[in-house]
């Protein structure tokens, strides 16, 4: 599957914003996930929290819920959900 490397969006009706690299990938994953959101254990990536932080600093609303999980390495993981209305204008995949 091709990965999104650049995405242009309108967030909550704002002027278009461009995201590149992992921020573009992360935003695309959140859009695809819809209300279910993305759990870091379901879609592993090196630094989810960093990518989300950068998107939040760019006025993209993202909530974090902490969920417990069992197994040999039980603990908790984050589930991220978009809280902003995001309209995709353009995507570039590699």
PDB file of N, CA and C in Angstrom:
ATOM      1  N   UNK A   1       0.838  -1.179   0.000  1.00  0.00           N
ATOM      2  CA  UNK A   1       0.000   0.000   0.000  1.00  0.00           C
ATOM      3  C   UNK A   1       0.885   1.246   0.000  1.00  0.00           C
ATOM      4  N   UNK A   2       0.538   2.217  -0.830  1.00  0.00           N
ATOM      5  CA  UNK A   2       1.291   3.464  -0.897  1.00  0.00           C
ATOM      6  C   UNK A   2       1.054   4.291   0.363  1.00  0.00           C
ATOM      7  N   UNK A   3       2.086   4.971   0.791  1.00  0.00           N
ATOM      8  CA  UNK A   3       1.986   5.808   1.990  1.00  0.00           C
ATOM      9  C   UNK A   3       1.805   7.276   1.598  1.00  0.00           C
ATOM     10  N   UNK A   4       0.994   7.991   2.362  1.00  0.00           N
ATOM     11  CA  UNK A   4       0.789   9.418   2.130  1.00  0.00           C
ATOM     12  C   UNK A   4       2.021  10.163   2.635  1.00  0.00           C
ATOM     13  N   UNK A   5       2.610  10.996   1.767  1.00  0.00           N
ATOM     14  CA  UNK A   5       3.795  11.768   2.141  1.00  0.00           C
ATOM     15  C   UNK A   5       3.516  13.270   2.185  1.00  0.00           C
ATOM     16  N   UNK A   6       2.394  13.685   1.619  1.00  0.00           N
ATOM     17  CA  UNK A   6       1.970  15.086   1.687  1.00  0.00           C
ATOM     18  C   UNK A   6       0.465  15.120   1.606  1.00  0.00           C
ATOM     19  N   UNK A   7      -0.132  15.985   2.434  1.00  0.00           N
ATOM     20  CA  UNK A   7      -1.580  16.123   2.420  1.00  0.00           C
ATOM     21  C   UNK A   7      -1.927  17.595   2.652  1.00  0.00           C
ATOM     22  N   UNK A   8      -2.874  18.087   1.877  1.00  0.00           N
ATOM     23  CA  UNK A   8      -3.365  19.457   2.026  1.00  0.00           C
ATOM     24  C   UNK A   8      -4.798  19.343   2.509  1.00  0.00           C
ATOM     25  N   UNK A   9      -5.099  20.017   3.625  1.00  0.00           N
ATOM     26  CA  UNK A   9      -6.421  19.904   4.241  1.00  0.00           C
ATOM     27  C   UNK A   9      -6.927  21.267   4.694  1.00  0.00           C
ATOM     28  N   UNK A  10      -8.227  21.330   4.892  1.00  0.00           N
ATOM     29  CA  UNK A  10      -8.865  22.441   5.586  1.00  0.00           C
ATOM     30  C   UNK A  10      -9.325  21.875   6.927  1.00  0.00           C
ATOM     31  N   UNK A  11      -8.917  22.534   8.002  1.00  0.00           N
ATOM     32  CA  UNK A  11      -9.267  22.093   9.351  1.00  0.00           C
ATOM     33  C   UNK A  11     -10.321  23.037   9.916  1.00  0.00           C
ATOM     34  N   UNK A  12     -11.497  22.489  10.206  1.00  0.00           N
ATOM     35  CA  UNK A  12     -12.606  23.284  10.746  1.00  0.00           C
ATOM     36  C   UNK A  12     -12.885  24.523   9.894  1.00  0.00           C
ATOM     37  N   UNK A  13     -12.793  24.355   8.581  1.00  0.00           N
ATOM     38  CA  UNK A  13     -13.109  25.454   7.670  1.00  0.00           C
ATOM     39  C   UNK A  13     -12.004  26.475   7.473  1.00  0.00           C
ATOM     40  N   UNK A  14     -10.811  26.201   7.981  1.00  0.00           N
ATOM     41  CA  UNK A  14      -9.693  27.145   7.865  1.00  0.00           C
ATOM     42  C   UNK A  14      -9.124  27.166   6.450  1.00  0.00           C
ATOM     43  N   UNK A  15      -8.207  28.105   6.233  1.00  0.00           N
ATOM     44  CA  UNK A  15      -7.461  28.118   4.979  1.00  0.00           C
ATOM     45  C   UNK A  15      -6.687  26.811   4.869  1.00  0.00           C
ATOM     46  N   UNK A  16      -6.397  26.359   3.657  1.00  0.00           N
ATOM     47  CA  UNK A  16      -5.670  25.093   3.480  1.00  0.00           C
ATOM     48  C   UNK A  16      -4.322  25.089   4.195  1.00  0.00           C
ATOM     49  N   UNK A  17      -4.018  23.931   4.790  1.00  0.00           N
ATOM     50  CA  UNK A  17      -2.735  23.709   5.452  1.00  0.00           C
ATOM     51  C   UNK A  17      -2.101  22.483   4.821  1.00  0.00           C
ATOM     52  N   UNK A  18      -0.788  22.522   4.681  1.00  0.00           N
ATOM     53  CA  UNK A  18      -0.053  21.408   4.098  1.00  0.00           C
ATOM     54  C   UNK A  18       0.771  20.722   5.172  1.00  0.00           C
ATOM     55  N   UNK A  19       0.679  19.402   5.209  1.00  0.00           N
ATOM     56  CA  UNK A  19       1.485  18.586   6.117  1.00  0.00           C
ATOM     57  C   UNK A  19       2.298  17.628   5.279  1.00  0.00           C
ATOM     58  N   UNK A  20       3.520  17.394   5.722  1.00  0.00           N
ATOM     59  CA  UNK A  20       4.426  16.510   4.984  1.00  0.00           C
ATOM     60  C   UNK A  20       4.980  15.431   5.911  1.00  0.00           C
ATOM     61  N   UNK A  21       5.482  14.380   5.281  1.00  0.00           N
ATOM     62  CA  UNK A  21       6.162  13.326   6.035  1.00  0.00           C
ATOM     63  C   UNK A  21       5.245  12.606   7.000  1.00  0.00           C
ATOM     64  N   UNK A  22       5.772  12.332   8.191  1.00  0.00           N
ATOM     65  CA  UNK A  22       5.016  11.562   9.176  1.00  0.00           C
ATOM     66  C   UNK A  22       3.756  12.282   9.658  1.00  0.00           C
ATOM     67  N   UNK A  23       3.756  13.606   9.672  1.00  0.00           N
ATOM     68  CA  UNK A  23       2.535  14.317  10.061  1.00  0.00           C
ATOM     69  C   UNK A  23       1.441  14.077   9.020  1.00  0.00           C
ATOM     70  N   UNK A  24       1.823  14.072   7.738  1.00  0.00           N
ATOM     71  CA  UNK A  24       0.844  13.781   6.677  1.00  0.00           C
ATOM     72  C   UNK A  24       0.324  12.360   6.823  1.00  0.00           C
ATOM     73  N   UNK A  25       1.230  11.417   7.059  1.00  0.00           N
ATOM     74  CA  UNK A  25       0.844  10.014   7.232  1.00  0.00           C
ATOM     75  C   UNK A  25      -0.103   9.864   8.424  1.00  0.00           C
ATOM     76  N   UNK A  26       0.240  10.485   9.544  1.00  0.00           N
ATOM     77  CA  UNK A  26      -0.562  10.383  10.760  1.00  0.00           C
ATOM     78  C   UNK A  26      -1.954  10.965  10.553  1.00  0.00           C
ATOM     79  N   UNK A  27      -2.020  12.142   9.961  1.00  0.00           N
ATOM     80  CA  UNK A  27      -3.317  12.766   9.721  1.00  0.00           C
ATOM     81  C   UNK A  27      -4.164  11.899   8.800  1.00  0.00           C
ATOM     82  N   UNK A  28      -3.571  11.339   7.778  1.00  0.00           N
ATOM     83  CA  UNK A  28      -4.309  10.451   6.882  1.00  0.00           C
ATOM     84  C   UNK A  28      -4.833   9.219   7.624  1.00  0.00           C
ATOM     85  N   UNK A  29      -4.016   8.637   8.497  1.00  0.00           N
ATOM     86  CA  UNK A  29      -4.457   7.478   9.286  1.00  0.00           C
ATOM     87  C   UNK A  29      -5.627   7.844  10.188  1.00  0.00           C
ATOM     88  N   UNK A  30      -5.590   9.017  10.792  1.00  0.00           N
ATOM     89  CA  UNK A  30      -6.692   9.464  11.658  1.00  0.00           C
ATOM     90  C   UNK A  30      -7.965   9.695  10.848  1.00  0.00           C
ATOM     91  N   UNK A  31      -7.824  10.275   9.673  1.00  0.00           N
ATOM     92  CA  UNK A  31      -8.982  10.492   8.809  1.00  0.00           C
ATOM     93  C   UNK A  31      -9.592   9.153   8.412  1.00  0.00           C
ATOM     94  N   UNK A  32      -8.754   8.212   7.996  1.00  0.00           N
ATOM     95  CA  UNK A  32      -9.233   6.881   7.588  1.00  0.00           C
ATOM     96  C   UNK A  32      -9.932   6.159   8.731  1.00  0.00           C
ATOM     97  N   UNK A  33      -9.447   6.331   9.947  1.00  0.00           N
ATOM     98  CA  UNK A  33      -9.990   5.609  11.101  1.00  0.00           C
ATOM     99  C   UNK A  33     -11.363   6.122  11.516  1.00  0.00           C
ATOM    100  N   UNK A  34     -11.670   7.371  11.227  1.00  0.00           N
ATOM    101  CA  UNK A  34     -12.961   7.932  11.614  1.00  0.00           C
ATOM    102  C   UNK A  34     -13.159   7.932  13.122  1.00  0.00           C
ATOM    103  N   UNK A  35     -14.400   7.704  13.563  1.00  0.00           N
ATOM    104  CA  UNK A  35     -14.753   7.743  14.985  1.00  0.00           C
ATOM    105  C   UNK A  35     -14.046   6.670  15.814  1.00  0.00           C
ATOM    106  N   UNK A  36     -13.698   5.568  15.182  1.00  0.00           N
ATOM    107  CA  UNK A  36     -13.006   4.500  15.909  1.00  0.00           C
ATOM    108  C   UNK A  36     -11.659   4.985  16.444  1.00  0.00           C
ATOM    109  N   UNK A  37     -11.010   5.839  15.694  1.00  0.00           N
ATOM    110  CA  UNK A  37      -9.693   6.317  16.084  1.00  0.00           C
ATOM    111  C   UNK A  37      -8.624   5.283  15.795  1.00  0.00           C
ATOM    112  N   UNK A  38      -7.402   5.630  16.143  1.00  0.00           N
ATOM    113  CA  UNK A  38      -6.255   4.767  15.894  1.00  0.00           C
ATOM    114  C   UNK A  38      -5.563   4.469  17.215  1.00  0.00           C
ATOM    115  N   UNK A  39      -5.446   3.194  17.533  1.00  0.00           N
ATOM    116  CA  UNK A  39      -4.685   2.775  18.710  1.00  0.00           C
ATOM    117  C   UNK A  39      -3.245   2.525  18.279  1.00  0.00           C
ATOM    118  N   UNK A  40      -2.321   2.970  19.082  1.00  0.00           N
ATOM    119  CA  UNK A  40      -0.916   2.831  18.720  1.00  0.00           C
ATOM    120  C   UNK A  40      -0.492   1.377  18.582  1.00  0.00           C
ATOM    121  N   UNK A  41      -1.189   0.462  19.245  1.00  0.00           N
ATOM    122  CA  UNK A  41      -0.847  -0.959  19.108  1.00  0.00           C
ATOM    123  C   UNK A  41      -1.420  -1.561  17.834  1.00  0.00           C
ATOM    124  N   UNK A  42      -2.418  -0.904  17.231  1.00  0.00           N
ATOM    125  CA  UNK A  42      -3.021  -1.396  15.993  1.00  0.00           C
ATOM    126  C   UNK A  42      -2.265  -0.927  14.753  1.00  0.00           C
ATOM    127  N   UNK A  43      -1.678   0.225  14.837  1.00  0.00           N
ATOM    128  CA  UNK A  43      -0.961   0.821  13.695  1.00  0.00           C
ATOM    129  C   UNK A  43       0.361   1.379  14.203  1.00  0.00           C
ATOM    130  N   UNK A  44       1.311   0.479  14.516  1.00  0.00           N
ATOM    131  CA  UNK A  44       2.579   0.919  15.098  1.00  0.00           C
ATOM    132  C   UNK A  44       3.345   1.888  14.199  1.00  0.00           C
ATOM    133  N   UNK A  45       3.957   2.854  14.830  1.00  0.00           N
ATOM    134  CA  UNK A  45       4.859   3.801  14.179  1.00  0.00           C
ATOM    135  C   UNK A  45       5.839   4.266  15.249  1.00  0.00           C
ATOM    136  N   UNK A  46       7.016   4.684  14.853  1.00  0.00           N
ATOM    137  CA  UNK A  46       8.044   5.002  15.849  1.00  0.00           C
ATOM    138  C   UNK A  46       7.656   6.052  16.893  1.00  0.00           C
ATOM    139  N   UNK A  47       6.939   7.123  16.493  1.00  0.00           N
ATOM    140  CA  UNK A  47       6.721   8.215  17.450  1.00  0.00           C
ATOM    141  C   UNK A  47       5.343   8.857  17.307  1.00  0.00           C
ATOM    142  N   UNK A  48       4.305   8.064  17.484  1.00  0.00           N
ATOM    143  CA  UNK A  48       2.937   8.571  17.360  1.00  0.00           C
ATOM    144  C   UNK A  48       2.740   9.861  18.154  1.00  0.00           C
ATOM    145  N   UNK A  49       3.171   9.873  19.404  1.00  0.00           N
ATOM    146  CA  UNK A  49       2.907  11.046  20.250  1.00  0.00           C
ATOM    147  C   UNK A  49       3.563  12.300  19.683  1.00  0.00           C
ATOM    148  N   UNK A  50       4.724  12.176  19.075  1.00  0.00           N
ATOM    149  CA  UNK A  50       5.393  13.322  18.463  1.00  0.00           C
ATOM    150  C   UNK A  50       4.611  13.818  17.249  1.00  0.00           C
ATOM    151  N   UNK A  51       4.154  12.896  16.415  1.00  0.00           N
ATOM    152  CA  UNK A  51       3.398  13.289  15.221  1.00  0.00           C
ATOM    153  C   UNK A  51       2.105  13.992  15.628  1.00  0.00           C
ATOM    154  N   UNK A  52       1.430  13.452  16.629  1.00  0.00           N
ATOM    155  CA  UNK A  52       0.177  14.043  17.115  1.00  0.00           C
ATOM    156  C   UNK A  52       0.441  15.424  17.708  1.00  0.00           C
ATOM    157  N   UNK A  53       1.524  15.569  18.475  1.00  0.00           N
ATOM    158  CA  UNK A  53       1.865  16.866  19.069  1.00  0.00           C
ATOM    159  C   UNK A  53       2.035  17.929  17.977  1.00  0.00           C
ATOM    160  N   UNK A  54       2.736  17.599  16.903  1.00  0.00           N
ATOM    161  CA  UNK A  54       2.934  18.562  15.818  1.00  0.00           C
ATOM    162  C   UNK A  54       1.607  18.925  15.147  1.00  0.00           C
ATOM    163  N   UNK A  55       0.742  17.959  14.953  1.00  0.00           N
ATOM    164  CA  UNK A  55      -0.567  18.259  14.376  1.00  0.00           C
ATOM    165  C   UNK A  55      -1.382  19.153  15.307  1.00  0.00           C
ATOM    166  N   UNK A  56      -1.351  18.862  16.597  1.00  0.00           N
ATOM    167  CA  UNK A  56      -2.080  19.707  17.564  1.00  0.00           C
ATOM    168  C   UNK A  56      -1.556  21.138  17.550  1.00  0.00           C
ATOM    169  N   UNK A  57      -0.254  21.303  17.440  1.00  0.00           N
ATOM    170  CA  UNK A  57       0.339  22.645  17.384  1.00  0.00           C
ATOM    171  C   UNK A  57      -0.090  23.396  16.124  1.00  0.00           C
ATOM    172  N   UNK A  58      -0.548  22.672  15.135  1.00  0.00           N
ATOM    173  CA  UNK A  58      -1.053  23.282  13.897  1.00  0.00           C
ATOM    174  C   UNK A  58      -2.571  23.386  13.903  1.00  0.00           C
ATOM    175  N   UNK A  59      -3.164  23.329  15.094  1.00  0.00           N
ATOM    176  CA  UNK A  59      -4.600  23.535  15.311  1.00  0.00           C
ATOM    177  C   UNK A  59      -5.469  22.384  14.810  1.00  0.00           C
ATOM    178  N   UNK A  60      -4.925  21.172  14.750  1.00  0.00           N
ATOM    179  CA  UNK A  60      -5.731  19.999  14.440  1.00  0.00           C
ATOM    180  C   UNK A  60      -6.167  19.404  15.780  1.00  0.00           C
ATOM    181  N   UNK A  61      -7.473  19.323  16.005  1.00  0.00           N
ATOM    182  CA  UNK A  61      -7.990  18.769  17.255  1.00  0.00           C
ATOM    183  C   UNK A  61      -7.897  17.251  17.264  1.00  0.00           C
ATOM    184  N   UNK A  62      -7.189  16.730  18.262  1.00  0.00           N
ATOM    185  CA  UNK A  62      -7.015  15.279  18.396  1.00  0.00           C
ATOM    186  C   UNK A  62      -7.143  14.937  19.879  1.00  0.00           C
ATOM    187  N   UNK A  63      -8.036  13.996  20.181  1.00  0.00           N
ATOM    188  CA  UNK A  63      -8.183  13.543  21.565  1.00  0.00           C
ATOM    189  C   UNK A  63      -7.351  12.283  21.780  1.00  0.00           C
ATOM    190  N   UNK A  64      -7.020  12.023  23.037  1.00  0.00           N
ATOM    191  CA  UNK A  64      -6.293  10.802  23.406  1.00  0.00           C
ATOM    192  C   UNK A  64      -7.055  10.098  24.512  1.00  0.00           C
ATOM    193  N   UNK A  65      -7.383   8.835  24.282  1.00  0.00           N
ATOM    194  CA  UNK A  65      -7.966   7.987  25.318  1.00  0.00           C
ATOM    195  C   UNK A  65      -6.935   6.921  25.650  1.00  0.00           C
ATOM    196  N   UNK A  66      -6.842   6.572  26.921  1.00  0.00           N
ATOM    197  CA  UNK A  66      -5.908   5.528  27.346  1.00  0.00           C
ATOM    198  C   UNK A  66      -6.693   4.251  27.592  1.00  0.00           C
ATOM    199  N   UNK A  67      -6.255   3.174  26.949  1.00  0.00           N
ATOM    200  CA  UNK A  67      -6.937   1.884  27.040  1.00  0.00           C
ATOM    201  C   UNK A  67      -5.973   0.848  27.599  1.00  0.00           C
ATOM    202  N   UNK A  68      -6.497  -0.035  28.427  1.00  0.00           N
ATOM    203  CA  UNK A  68      -5.683  -1.125  28.962  1.00  0.00           C
ATOM    204  C   UNK A  68      -5.657  -2.277  27.973  1.00  0.00           C
ATOM    205  N   UNK A  69      -4.540  -2.996  27.985  1.00  0.00           N
ATOM    206  CA  UNK A  69      -4.454  -4.225  27.201  1.00  0.00           C
ATOM    207  C   UNK A  69      -3.722  -5.279  28.026  1.00  0.00           C
ATOM    208  N   UNK A  70      -4.060  -6.534  27.734  1.00  0.00           N
ATOM    209  CA  UNK A  70      -3.468  -7.656  28.459  1.00  0.00           C
ATOM    210  C   UNK A  70      -2.334  -8.271  27.680  1.00  0.00           C
ATOM    211  N   UNK A  71      -2.082  -9.528  27.959  1.00  0.00           N
ATOM    212  CA  UNK A  71      -1.030 -10.253  27.268  1.00  0.00           C
ATOM    213  C   UNK A  71       0.269 -10.241  28.043  1.00  0.00           C
ATOM    214  N   UNK A  72       1.290 -10.763  27.428  1.00  0.00           N
ATOM    215  CA  UNK A  72       2.600 -10.871  28.079  1.00  0.00           C
ATOM    216  C   UNK A  72       3.168  -9.503  28.450  1.00  0.00           C
ATOM    217  N   UNK A  73       2.820  -8.475  27.696  1.00  0.00           N
ATOM    218  CA  UNK A  73       3.318  -7.118  27.963  1.00  0.00           C
ATOM    219  C   UNK A  73       2.153  -6.193  28.275  1.00  0.00           C
ATOM    220  N   UNK A  74       1.330  -6.610  29.238  1.00  0.00           N
ATOM    221  CA  UNK A  74       0.127  -5.837  29.538  1.00  0.00           C
ATOM    222  C   UNK A  74       0.494  -4.437  30.022  1.00  0.00           C
ATOM    223  N   UNK A  75      -0.432  -3.569  29.827  1.00  0.00           N
ATOM    224  CA  UNK A  75      -0.236  -2.174  30.199  1.00  0.00           C
ATOM    225  C   UNK A  75      -1.346  -1.334  29.601  1.00  0.00           C
ATOM    226  N   UNK A  76      -0.992  -0.212  29.034  1.00  0.00           N
ATOM    227  CA  UNK A  76      -1.996   0.632  28.379  1.00  0.00           C
ATOM    228  C   UNK A  76      -1.391   1.226  27.113  1.00  0.00           C
ATOM    229  N   UNK A  77      -2.284   1.657  26.252  1.00  0.00           N
ATOM    230  CA  UNK A  77      -1.881   2.300  25.007  1.00  0.00           C
ATOM    231  C   UNK A  77      -2.828   3.464  24.747  1.00  0.00           C
ATOM    232  N   UNK A  78      -2.410   4.371  23.888  1.00  0.00           N
ATOM    233  CA  UNK A  78      -3.257   5.504  23.529  1.00  0.00           C
ATOM    234  C   UNK A  78      -4.090   5.202  22.298  1.00  0.00           C
ATOM    235  N   UNK A  79      -5.278   5.791  22.271  1.00  0.00           N
ATOM    236  CA  UNK A  79      -6.120   5.768  21.071  1.00  0.00           C
ATOM    237  C   UNK A  79      -6.394   7.226  20.720  1.00  0.00           C
ATOM    238  N   UNK A  80      -5.991   7.606  19.515  1.00  0.00           N
ATOM    239  CA  UNK A  80      -6.143   8.978  19.048  1.00  0.00           C
ATOM    240  C   UNK A  80      -7.347   9.083  18.127  1.00  0.00           C
ATOM    241  N   UNK A  81      -8.096  10.185  18.298  1.00  0.00           N
ATOM    242  CA  UNK A  81      -9.260  10.459  17.452  1.00  0.00           C
ATOM    243  C   UNK A  81      -9.258  11.929  17.037  1.00  0.00           C
ATOM    244  N   UNK A  82      -9.626  12.166  15.791  1.00  0.00           N
ATOM    245  CA  UNK A  82      -9.788  13.548  15.340  1.00  0.00           C
ATOM    246  C   UNK A  82     -11.002  14.162  16.017  1.00  0.00           C
ATOM    247  N   UNK A  83     -10.866  15.375  16.507  1.00  0.00           N
ATOM    248  CA  UNK A  83     -12.006  16.109  17.024  1.00  0.00           C
ATOM    249  C   UNK A  83     -12.325  17.309  16.128  1.00  0.00           C
ATOM    250  N   UNK A  84     -11.443  17.597  15.201  1.00  0.00           N
ATOM    251  CA  UNK A  84     -11.669  18.646  14.208  1.00  0.00           C
ATOM    252  C   UNK A  84     -12.311  18.046  12.973  1.00  0.00           C
ATOM    253  N   UNK A  85     -13.039  18.881  12.252  1.00  0.00           N
ATOM    254  CA  UNK A  85     -13.556  18.477  10.954  1.00  0.00           C
ATOM    255  C   UNK A  85     -12.457  18.766   9.936  1.00  0.00           C
ATOM    256  N   UNK A  86     -11.995  17.718   9.265  1.00  0.00           N
ATOM    257  CA  UNK A  86     -10.889  17.842   8.322  1.00  0.00           C
ATOM    258  C   UNK A  86     -11.372  17.469   6.924  1.00  0.00           C
ATOM    259  N   UNK A  87     -11.167  18.383   5.996  1.00  0.00           N
ATOM    260  CA  UNK A  87     -11.523  18.141   4.595  1.00  0.00           C
ATOM    261  C   UNK A  87     -10.250  18.030   3.783  1.00  0.00           C
ATOM    262  N   UNK A  88     -10.076  16.901   3.124  1.00  0.00           N
ATOM    263  CA  UNK A  88      -8.875  16.682   2.305  1.00  0.00           C
ATOM    264  C   UNK A  88      -9.026  17.396   0.974  1.00  0.00           C
ATOM    265  N   UNK A  89      -8.024  18.179   0.637  1.00  0.00           N
ATOM    266  CA  UNK A  89      -8.010  18.910  -0.625  1.00  0.00           C
ATOM    267  C   UNK A  89      -7.118  18.196  -1.636  1.00  0.00           C
ATOM    268  N   UNK A  90      -5.990  17.681  -1.135  1.00  0.00           N
ATOM    269  CA  UNK A  90      -5.028  17.032  -2.039  1.00  0.00           C
ATOM    270  C   UNK A  90      -4.160  16.069  -1.230  1.00  0.00           C
ATOM    271  N   UNK A  91      -3.766  14.955  -1.866  1.00  0.00           N
ATOM    272  CA  UNK A  91      -2.880  13.975  -1.242  1.00  0.00           C
ATOM    273  C   UNK A  91      -1.786  13.585  -2.222  1.00  0.00           C
ATOM    274  N   UNK A  92      -0.606  13.344  -1.691  1.00  0.00           N
ATOM    275  CA  UNK A  92       0.494  12.816  -2.493  1.00  0.00           C
ATOM    276  C   UNK A  92       0.980  11.535  -1.824  1.00  0.00           C
ATOM    277  N   UNK A  93       1.080  10.485  -2.606  1.00  0.00           N
ATOM    278  CA  UNK A  93       1.544   9.200  -2.075  1.00  0.00           C
ATOM    279  C   UNK A  93       2.861   8.806  -2.728  1.00  0.00           C
ATOM    280  N   UNK A  94       3.619   7.984  -2.011  1.00  0.00           N
ATOM    281  CA  UNK A  94       4.911   7.516  -2.545  1.00  0.00           C
ATOM    282  C   UNK A  94       4.878   6.007  -2.638  1.00  0.00           C
TER     283      UNK A  94
END
